[in-house]
Amino acid sequence: MATIQKEISIAAPVEHVWAAVRDVGAIHERLVPGLVADTELEEDARVVTFANGLVIRERFVTIDDENRRLAYSATGGNATHHNSSMQVFADGSGSRLVWITDLLPDSVAPLVNGLVEQGSKIMKETLERTKKK
């Protein structure tokens, strides 16, 4: 099983970063605009439409406000198994976001890693630009 782990230092308060991660229906506006074109909420999931047309359904496993942790599993695309979590930590006057993805088959890891890299850059830029002064 492939594991992708990304740590992102963000020059924005932990409350701001967690509020954006936790707003699960607005990732196309608050986290990764341009990478994700639309997000539609279902009862226990969201349907994510990427800018390239790929559609993924992400089922929420947990949204933990106390630990600022979101976990979800994804279906659609080429992965037979996909589980991810994001957790936000205070880091000085800013934040550190840890994004971990486990997936199968290993052959899809380069594609998913590319999306994680691209998403991480957009997330950092977006959250730093939109932080409250």
C-alpha atoms as a PDB file:
ATOM      1  CA  MET A   1       0.000   0.000   0.000  1.00  0.00           C
ATOM      2  CA  ALA A   2       1.363   3.421  -0.951  1.00  0.00           C
ATOM      3  CA  THR A   3       1.404   6.191   1.623  1.00  0.00           C
ATOM      4  CA  ILE A   4       1.771   9.853   0.769  1.00  0.00           C
ATOM      5  CA  GLN A   5       2.457  12.248   3.636  1.00  0.00           C
ATOM      6  CA  LYS A   6       2.695  15.990   3.200  1.00  0.00           C
ATOM      7  CA  GLU A   7       3.370  18.583   5.901  1.00  0.00           C
ATOM      8  CA  ILE A   8       2.526  22.163   5.020  1.00  0.00           C
ATOM      9  CA  SER A   9       3.657  25.183   7.049  1.00  0.00           C
ATOM     10  CA  ILE A  10       1.038  27.907   6.732  1.00  0.00           C
ATOM     11  CA  ALA A  11       1.483  31.496   7.890  1.00  0.00           C
ATOM     12  CA  ALA A  12      -2.083  31.730   9.179  1.00  0.00           C
ATOM     13  CA  PRO A  13      -3.709  31.114  12.578  1.00  0.00           C
ATOM     14  CA  VAL A  14      -4.674  27.530  13.369  1.00  0.00           C
ATOM     15  CA  GLU A  15      -8.333  28.567  13.804  1.00  0.00           C
ATOM     16  CA  HIS A  16      -8.409  30.007  10.273  1.00  0.00           C
ATOM     17  CA  VAL A  17      -6.812  26.921   8.726  1.00  0.00           C
ATOM     18  CA  TRP A  18      -9.063  24.485  10.614  1.00  0.00           C
ATOM     19  CA  ALA A  19     -12.203  26.473   9.736  1.00  0.00           C
ATOM     20  CA  ALA A  20     -11.354  26.150   6.033  1.00  0.00           C
ATOM     21  CA  VAL A  21     -10.506  22.421   6.249  1.00  0.00           C
ATOM     22  CA  ARG A  22     -13.648  21.785   8.285  1.00  0.00           C
ATOM     23  CA  ASP A  23     -15.881  23.613   5.784  1.00  0.00           C
ATOM     24  CA  VAL A  24     -16.171  20.380   3.809  1.00  0.00           C
ATOM     25  CA  GLY A  25     -18.631  21.745   1.262  1.00  0.00           C
ATOM     26  CA  ALA A  26     -16.493  24.689   0.212  1.00  0.00           C
ATOM     27  CA  ILE A  27     -13.055  23.242  -0.575  1.00  0.00           C
ATOM     28  CA  HIS A  28     -13.372  24.585  -4.121  1.00  0.00           C
ATOM     29  CA  GLU A  29     -13.557  28.098  -2.641  1.00  0.00           C
ATOM     30  CA  ARG A  30     -11.637  28.006   0.657  1.00  0.00           C
ATOM     31  CA  LEU A  31      -8.872  25.416   0.179  1.00  0.00           C
ATOM     32  CA  VAL A  32      -8.026  24.521  -3.406  1.00  0.00           C
ATOM     33  CA  PRO A  33      -9.714  26.901  -5.853  1.00  0.00           C
ATOM     34  CA  GLY A  34      -8.649  26.158  -9.397  1.00  0.00           C
ATOM     35  CA  LEU A  35      -7.774  22.539  -8.616  1.00  0.00           C
ATOM     36  CA  VAL A  36     -11.307  21.680  -7.492  1.00  0.00           C
ATOM     37  CA  ALA A  37     -14.119  23.192  -9.561  1.00  0.00           C
ATOM     38  CA  ASP A  38     -17.103  22.196  -7.397  1.00  0.00           C
ATOM     39  CA  THR A  39     -18.104  20.390  -4.225  1.00  0.00           C
ATOM     40  CA  GLU A  40     -21.563  18.994  -3.533  1.00  0.00           C
ATOM     41  CA  LEU A  41     -22.554  17.726  -0.094  1.00  0.00           C
ATOM     42  CA  GLU A  42     -24.452  14.506   0.491  1.00  0.00           C
ATOM     43  CA  GLU A  43     -25.590  13.115   3.851  1.00  0.00           C
ATOM     44  CA  ASP A  44     -22.200  11.743   4.939  1.00  0.00           C
ATOM     45  CA  ALA A  45     -20.011  12.640   1.983  1.00  0.00           C
ATOM     46  CA  ARG A  46     -19.037  15.186  -0.614  1.00  0.00           C
ATOM     47  CA  VAL A  47     -18.782  14.808  -4.363  1.00  0.00           C
ATOM     48  CA  VAL A  48     -15.674  16.604  -5.569  1.00  0.00           C
ATOM     49  CA  THR A  49     -15.328  17.682  -9.192  1.00  0.00           C
ATOM     50  CA  PHE A  50     -11.771  18.527 -10.158  1.00  0.00           C
ATOM     51  CA  ALA A  51     -10.982  21.159 -12.775  1.00  0.00           C
ATOM     52  CA  ASN A  52      -9.872  18.378 -15.165  1.00  0.00           C
ATOM     53  CA  GLY A  53     -13.336  16.759 -14.959  1.00  0.00           C
ATOM     54  CA  LEU A  54     -12.431  13.917 -12.571  1.00  0.00           C
ATOM     55  CA  VAL A  55     -15.250  13.258 -10.078  1.00  0.00           C
ATOM     56  CA  ILE A  56     -14.523  11.621  -6.708  1.00  0.00           C
ATOM     57  CA  ARG A  57     -16.911  10.809  -3.859  1.00  0.00           C
ATOM     58  CA  GLU A  58     -15.343  11.357  -0.451  1.00  0.00           C
ATOM     59  CA  ARG A  59     -17.128   9.772   2.502  1.00  0.00           C
ATOM     60  CA  PHE A  60     -16.438  11.398   5.854  1.00  0.00           C
ATOM     61  CA  VAL A  61     -14.973   9.060   8.452  1.00  0.00           C
ATOM     62  CA  THR A  62     -14.535  11.714  11.137  1.00  0.00           C
ATOM     63  CA  ILE A  63     -14.625  15.456  11.608  1.00  0.00           C
ATOM     64  CA  ASP A  64     -12.933  15.984  14.971  1.00  0.00           C
ATOM     65  CA  ASP A  65     -13.057  19.624  16.103  1.00  0.00           C
ATOM     66  CA  GLU A  66     -11.180  18.949  19.351  1.00  0.00           C
ATOM     67  CA  ASN A  67      -8.143  17.524  17.535  1.00  0.00           C
ATOM     68  CA  ARG A  68      -8.718  19.529  14.334  1.00  0.00           C
ATOM     69  CA  ARG A  69      -8.691  16.339  12.249  1.00  0.00           C
ATOM     70  CA  LEU A  70     -10.689  15.352   9.171  1.00  0.00           C
ATOM     71  CA  ALA A  71     -10.585  11.801   7.795  1.00  0.00           C
ATOM     72  CA  TYR A  72     -12.300  10.556   4.650  1.00  0.00           C
ATOM     73  CA  SER A  73     -12.305   7.689   2.176  1.00  0.00           C
ATOM     74  CA  ALA A  74     -12.594   8.260  -1.551  1.00  0.00           C
ATOM     75  CA  THR A  75     -14.146   6.269  -4.387  1.00  0.00           C
ATOM     76  CA  GLY A  76     -13.971   6.912  -8.091  1.00  0.00           C
ATOM     77  CA  GLY A  77     -10.908   7.277 -10.252  1.00  0.00           C
ATOM     78  CA  ASN A  78      -8.331   4.492 -10.486  1.00  0.00           C
ATOM     79  CA  ALA A  79      -7.716   3.712  -6.817  1.00  0.00           C
ATOM     80  CA  THR A  80      -9.205   0.553  -5.336  1.00  0.00           C
ATOM     81  CA  HIS A  81      -8.549   1.914  -1.835  1.00  0.00           C
ATOM     82  CA  HIS A  82      -8.098   5.555  -0.797  1.00  0.00           C
ATOM     83  CA  ASN A  83      -8.160   6.880   2.747  1.00  0.00           C
ATOM     84  CA  SER A  84      -6.932  10.350   3.727  1.00  0.00           C
ATOM     85  CA  SER A  85      -6.694  12.516   6.789  1.00  0.00           C
ATOM     86  CA  MET A  86      -5.816  16.140   7.396  1.00  0.00           C
ATOM     87  CA  GLN A  87      -4.866  17.410  10.812  1.00  0.00           C
ATOM     88  CA  VAL A  88      -4.062  21.011  11.717  1.00  0.00           C
ATOM     89  CA  PHE A  89      -1.614  21.943  14.476  1.00  0.00           C
ATOM     90  CA  ALA A  90      -0.619  25.284  15.950  1.00  0.00           C
ATOM     91  CA  ASP A  91       2.956  26.090  14.955  1.00  0.00           C
ATOM     92  CA  GLY A  92       4.245  29.283  16.522  1.00  0.00           C
ATOM     93  CA  SER A  93       2.077  32.105  15.185  1.00  0.00           C
ATOM     94  CA  GLY A  94       1.050  29.964  12.216  1.00  0.00           C
ATOM     95  CA  SER A  95      -0.104  26.431  11.498  1.00  0.00           C
ATOM     96  CA  ARG A  96       1.137  23.090  10.277  1.00  0.00           C
ATOM     97  CA  LEU A  97      -1.218  20.919   8.239  1.00  0.00           C
ATOM     98  CA  VAL A  98      -0.418  17.207   7.978  1.00  0.00           C
ATOM     99  CA  TRP A  99      -2.097  15.424   5.055  1.00  0.00           C
ATOM    100  CA  ILE A 100      -1.747  11.624   4.905  1.00  0.00           C
ATOM    101  CA  THR A 101      -3.141   9.424   2.135  1.00  0.00           C
ATOM    102  CA  ASP A 102      -3.041   5.618   1.953  1.00  0.00           C
ATOM    103  CA  LEU A 103      -4.006   4.050  -1.367  1.00  0.00           C
ATOM    104  CA  LEU A 104      -3.996   0.994  -3.592  1.00  0.00           C
ATOM    105  CA  PRO A 105      -2.787   0.003  -6.082  1.00  0.00           C
ATOM    106  CA  ASP A 106       0.694   1.452  -5.744  1.00  0.00           C
ATOM    107  CA  SER A 107       0.639   2.329  -9.441  1.00  0.00           C
ATOM    108  CA  VAL A 108      -1.767   5.261  -8.825  1.00  0.00           C
ATOM    109  CA  ALA A 109       0.564   6.832  -6.232  1.00  0.00           C
ATOM    110  CA  PRO A 110       2.407   9.098  -8.729  1.00  0.00           C
ATOM    111  CA  LEU A 111      -0.884  10.579  -9.972  1.00  0.00           C
ATOM    112  CA  VAL A 112      -2.257  11.091  -6.455  1.00  0.00           C
ATOM    113  CA  ASN A 113       1.080  12.467  -5.262  1.00  0.00           C
ATOM    114  CA  GLY A 114       0.950  15.030  -8.071  1.00  0.00           C
ATOM    115  CA  LEU A 115      -2.523  16.127  -6.939  1.00  0.00           C
ATOM    116  CA  VAL A 116      -1.352  16.313  -3.311  1.00  0.00           C
ATOM    117  CA  GLU A 117       1.658  18.439  -4.311  1.00  0.00           C
ATOM    118  CA  GLN A 118      -0.466  20.764  -6.423  1.00  0.00           C
ATOM    119  CA  GLY A 119      -3.201  20.923  -3.780  1.00  0.00           C
ATOM    120  CA  SER A 120      -0.687  21.659  -1.025  1.00  0.00           C
ATOM    121  CA  LYS A 121       0.729  24.663  -2.875  1.00  0.00           C
ATOM    122  CA  ILE A 122      -2.730  26.045  -3.643  1.00  0.00           C
ATOM    123  CA  MET A 123      -3.888  25.436  -0.057  1.00  0.00           C
ATOM    124  CA  LYS A 124      -0.916  27.296   1.406  1.00  0.00           C
ATOM    125  CA  GLU A 125      -1.325  30.249  -0.974  1.00  0.00           C
ATOM    126  CA  THR A 126      -5.091  30.438  -0.463  1.00  0.00           C
ATOM    127  CA  LEU A 127      -5.014  30.185   3.330  1.00  0.00           C
ATOM    128  CA  GLU A 128      -2.224  32.715   3.690  1.00  0.00           C
ATOM    129  CA  ARG A 129      -3.947  35.157   1.311  1.00  0.00           C
ATOM    130  CA  THR A 130      -7.324  34.886   3.080  1.00  0.00           C
ATOM    131  CA  LYS A 131      -6.154  34.990   6.697  1.00  0.00           C
ATOM    132  CA  LYS A 132      -7.535  37.730   8.845  1.00  0.00           C
ATOM    133  CA  LYS A 133      -5.020  40.436   9.601  1.00  0.00           C
END
